[in-house]
Amino acid sequence: MSSELDKLRSVLTHYDLGDIRTWQRIERGYVNQSWILQTPGGRVVLRCRHPDLGQPDLVEAQHALIQHLFFAGFPAPQIVMTHSATTFVHLNGKIFEVHRHIPGVMCDESNPAHLEAAAETLARYHLIVEGFDHPALHPVRERYGLGRLARLVGRLRHDADGVQSRRSEQLIAQFEAHVREIAKGLARLQDLPQCIIHGDYYSENLICEQNRIVGVVDYDQAQWSQRALEIAEAMIYFARERSQQFKHIVYGGALELDVAGRFLAAYKGVIGLAAKELEALPYLIRTIWMCAALDPPLLPRLRLDRDECALSEALVLANWARAHAGDIEQMAFDV
């Protein structure tokens, strides 16, 4: 315990914040380590970057984005500068950053007012980042998208070399059919608007005060991507079914279309969307579901020889997206 406190104190020697009066580790979060510190210079959040997210050029780009948002009046965290006027500290091979603490509670997606506020805030984010760009935020490898889905399904086909069965061949054939359908659908919807998306827009990264979003944090996944892809992922998160029908994949249920409609209506009340973005939503939702199922975050990707139940659930969810594509598109245009 004392060694951890000593580490935090050594980081703060690079700031004009004074000594630590109280400190508390933030337990939520899956990648970076974070602490809330009370200091003579105020209440702050200190973060230690995971090595995979700690490349200096990437951190500099993300901090440029955060500062762009903050100075535009968006509820991004205020970065505390070091003695040497840098936005982070590189210490013992690790990168540390300090933000001003934003008081409030985590967004409750089951609260209709929070749901609408989350949608409106995402739209405000997309408005403010128009024209902002940084080369370090152009990913070498997409997180979601048709290309990645095709590669994941291709790996399943490669796995089949060691799993010769009629069932495995049927599973692969169904996944390949979904990839072809998505590719055909998106082929007629070229050049969807792109921007630097937040990349991890969900309730744990949204801080509320009453029914307002007063903080949007964690820009570690920010990258250049299709705006509609971020909207689709946000709809999946905020409008997901609570039934937990699926036990072996990331998303436990499909969409509640009325909730998705409320989210999208609130978003469109701030910024309009191109018709091709609305038409693309069913294909993008299906793509995200399948990518997240086949290669779940922080877990091994699915394999034919050990994950038949999960693969079957992923297909059920993909089939739901196919069957309800018309409903999703109609809802998107109607709201």
Foldseek 3Di string as FASTA:
>chain_A
DVVVQVVVQVFCVQAPFAHFPDKDWDPDDDFKTWMWTQTNNGIKIKIKGHLVLFDVLNVQLLVVLLVLCVVVPQLEWAWGATPVRDQWDCDPNIIMTMTHDDDFAFQDLVDLLSLLQLLQSQLVSVVSQVVPDDVSQADPDDLFDLVLLVVLLVVQVVLCVVPDDPVSVVLSVLSVVLSVVLCVQCVVLPDADKGFHQQDRDRRQFGDDVSHTNYGYDSSRTHIDHSLLVLLVHQCRSFFDPPQCADQFDGRGEGDLVSSLSSLVSNCVNPNGDLSSLLSSLSSNLRVLSSCLQPPPPDHGDYPVPPPSSSVVNSVRSVVSVVCSVVSSVSNVPD
